[in-house]
Amino acid sequence: MRNSIEFSLKECMTEAIYLPLPELAARWKLSPRLALEYALRHGLPLYFYFDGLVFDFADKWHRAGGDAQAARQLAAQQERLEVIQLALQRQTLHRHGWLKLTRWESAFDDAELARHQADQLRLRDNIDTLSTRLAQRHATRQRSVRSGLLRAAPRTLRALAEHGQIAFPAYAYLPPSAPDKSAIVALEEGFPLRSILSAGQLCAAMRDVQPLDATLGR
């Protein structure tokens, strides 16, 4: 099993060359912490590898827990439908003389019967709609896997500069190669699940590093 703390250079290779933070620090002859602080001070984009589910930050429906209200509505309507179906079954049996109603029940007249039948049809339609919507949500979540680099948010970098490692971030930015490179994305369910992000797992693109080399006399 891959060690979630260990940084793999292979994980930091896409269309460009990327340097892990420890190698960047060696290149600049700084400690990893000072290299991170220097990068943060100069706005150097830093990335980390993520393999898991990624959603637009504003997409509350597909993110974890986004289905809570719809799921509650579905459960409530399914329960109500069961009650109505049972009542209609008992009323039908009673009308045919096959069942005697309890003292807590009264026989439906035609209007009450029609109203309950209409409620039954309405609930069935609502349940079908909600079930389809929830199934589509689940399918979309299963297709929302990203395996690659994400740009660490400034808040993430500041916390790493201060502590060296932090709880794995819940959000990040898409890399420049993404269609909408400024988009903030929410991260969920890494494969395998990583609970910790360390400064050593960060990397920088050589195209961004080289302009800063001159400021350090490299």
Foldseek 3Di string as FASTA:
>chain_A
DDDPADADLVQADDPFHKFFLCVLCVLLVHHSLVSLVVCLVVVFWKKFWFWAFKAFPPCLCLDPPNCVVLVVVLVVLVVVLVVLVVVLVQLVCVVVVNDDDDPVDDHDDPVRNVVSVVSNVVSVVSNVVSVVVVVVSVVVRVVRTDTHMFTADSVLSVVQSVPQKDFPDQKTAHPPVDPPRGTIMGGDCTVPDDGMDGSSRMIGGPVRSVVCSVVSPD
